[in-house]
Amino acid sequence: MTISIKDLTAADIMTSDVLMAYEGWSIKRLSEFFMKNKISGAPVIASDHSLVGVVTFSDIVLFESKSVQEKS
């Protein structure tokens, strides 16, 4: 039996144990977190555990490619 992608839902492919990054982490720590866990993105939470965004490996690459002046 072949399953078509049009028949799948988010629940069929999602991860239930979500790894989260904290907004105070450095870019280096975030990169290490992604590599260690073999993931390419994660929700970002504040110290009160509220969701403040999502960060991806692409965001890190784009940030690192900016000049020092653009980063400030």
C-alpha atoms as a PDB file:
ATOM      1  CA  MET A   1       0.000   0.000   0.000  1.00  0.00           C
ATOM      2  CA  THR A   2       1.417   3.369  -1.032  1.00  0.00           C
ATOM      3  CA  ILE A   3       0.588   6.451   1.022  1.00  0.00           C
ATOM      4  CA  SER A   4       0.221   9.705  -0.874  1.00  0.00           C
ATOM      5  CA  ILE A   5       1.537  12.908   0.682  1.00  0.00           C
ATOM      6  CA  LYS A   6      -1.853  14.516   0.049  1.00  0.00           C
ATOM      7  CA  ASP A   7      -3.360  12.039   2.507  1.00  0.00           C
ATOM      8  CA  LEU A   8      -0.929  12.904   5.329  1.00  0.00           C
ATOM      9  CA  THR A   9      -1.563  15.387   8.115  1.00  0.00           C
ATOM     10  CA  ALA A  10       0.904  17.287  10.303  1.00  0.00           C
ATOM     11  CA  ALA A  11       0.226  14.737  13.069  1.00  0.00           C
ATOM     12  CA  ASP A  12       1.502  11.969  10.772  1.00  0.00           C
ATOM     13  CA  ILE A  13       4.956  13.530  10.406  1.00  0.00           C
ATOM     14  CA  MET A  14       5.444  15.737  13.469  1.00  0.00           C
ATOM     15  CA  THR A  15       7.746  15.170  16.404  1.00  0.00           C
ATOM     16  CA  SER A  16       5.959  15.028  19.734  1.00  0.00           C
ATOM     17  CA  ASP A  17       9.070  15.581  21.883  1.00  0.00           C
ATOM     18  CA  VAL A  18       9.952  19.088  20.741  1.00  0.00           C
ATOM     19  CA  LEU A  19      13.429  20.420  21.503  1.00  0.00           C
ATOM     20  CA  MET A  20      13.456  24.133  22.325  1.00  0.00           C
ATOM     21  CA  ALA A  21      16.073  26.856  22.232  1.00  0.00           C
ATOM     22  CA  TYR A  22      16.205  29.717  24.723  1.00  0.00           C
ATOM     23  CA  GLU A  23      16.293  33.332  23.540  1.00  0.00           C
ATOM     24  CA  GLY A  24      19.437  34.099  25.548  1.00  0.00           C
ATOM     25  CA  TRP A  25      21.600  31.470  23.859  1.00  0.00           C
ATOM     26  CA  SER A  26      24.597  32.552  21.829  1.00  0.00           C
ATOM     27  CA  ILE A  27      24.810  31.732  18.136  1.00  0.00           C
ATOM     28  CA  LYS A  28      27.620  29.275  18.968  1.00  0.00           C
ATOM     29  CA  ARG A  29      25.508  27.463  21.568  1.00  0.00           C
ATOM     30  CA  LEU A  30      22.545  27.365  19.191  1.00  0.00           C
ATOM     31  CA  SER A  31      24.719  25.918  16.402  1.00  0.00           C
ATOM     32  CA  GLU A  32      26.082  23.238  18.741  1.00  0.00           C
ATOM     33  CA  PHE A  33      22.527  22.421  19.896  1.00  0.00           C
ATOM     34  CA  PHE A  34      21.389  21.905  16.284  1.00  0.00           C
ATOM     35  CA  MET A  35      24.388  19.746  15.413  1.00  0.00           C
ATOM     36  CA  LYS A  36      24.219  17.642  18.594  1.00  0.00           C
ATOM     37  CA  ASN A  37      20.521  16.921  18.099  1.00  0.00           C
ATOM     38  CA  LYS A  38      20.688  16.632  14.291  1.00  0.00           C
ATOM     39  CA  ILE A  39      17.939  19.211  13.837  1.00  0.00           C
ATOM     40  CA  SER A  40      17.667  22.245  11.585  1.00  0.00           C
ATOM     41  CA  GLY A  41      15.266  24.394  13.570  1.00  0.00           C
ATOM     42  CA  ALA A  42      13.539  24.875  16.898  1.00  0.00           C
ATOM     43  CA  PRO A  43      10.998  27.054  18.656  1.00  0.00           C
ATOM     44  CA  VAL A  44      12.565  29.748  20.833  1.00  0.00           C
ATOM     45  CA  ILE A  45      11.216  30.352  24.327  1.00  0.00           C
ATOM     46  CA  ALA A  46      11.725  33.117  26.870  1.00  0.00           C
ATOM     47  CA  SER A  47      12.734  32.598  30.491  1.00  0.00           C
ATOM     48  CA  ASP A  48       9.029  32.439  31.430  1.00  0.00           C
ATOM     49  CA  HIS A  49       8.622  29.598  28.875  1.00  0.00           C
ATOM     50  CA  SER A  50       6.493  31.685  26.517  1.00  0.00           C
ATOM     51  CA  LEU A  51       7.044  31.160  22.810  1.00  0.00           C
ATOM     52  CA  VAL A  52       8.895  34.103  21.251  1.00  0.00           C
ATOM     53  CA  GLY A  53       9.730  32.706  17.813  1.00  0.00           C
ATOM     54  CA  VAL A  54      11.372  30.040  15.736  1.00  0.00           C
ATOM     55  CA  VAL A  55      15.019  29.838  14.658  1.00  0.00           C
ATOM     56  CA  THR A  56      16.536  27.709  11.905  1.00  0.00           C
ATOM     57  CA  PHE A  57      19.986  26.741  10.712  1.00  0.00           C
ATOM     58  CA  SER A  58      19.383  29.066   7.752  1.00  0.00           C
ATOM     59  CA  ASP A  59      18.933  31.958  10.184  1.00  0.00           C
ATOM     60  CA  ILE A  60      22.362  31.202  11.655  1.00  0.00           C
ATOM     61  CA  VAL A  61      23.993  31.081   8.225  1.00  0.00           C
ATOM     62  CA  LEU A  62      22.365  34.377   7.213  1.00  0.00           C
ATOM     63  CA  PHE A  63      23.415  36.028  10.482  1.00  0.00           C
ATOM     64  CA  GLU A  64      26.998  34.809  10.187  1.00  0.00           C
ATOM     65  CA  SER A  65      27.228  36.091   6.607  1.00  0.00           C
ATOM     66  CA  LYS A  66      26.368  39.664   7.663  1.00  0.00           C
ATOM     67  CA  SER A  67      29.032  42.260   8.327  1.00  0.00           C
ATOM     68  CA  VAL A  68      29.775  43.406  11.887  1.00  0.00           C
ATOM     69  CA  GLN A  69      27.902  46.665  11.223  1.00  0.00           C
ATOM     70  CA  GLU A  70      24.787  44.818  10.045  1.00  0.00           C
ATOM     71  CA  LYS A  71      24.763  42.620  13.185  1.00  0.00           C
ATOM     72  CA  SER A  72      24.435  45.577  15.569  1.00  0.00           C
END
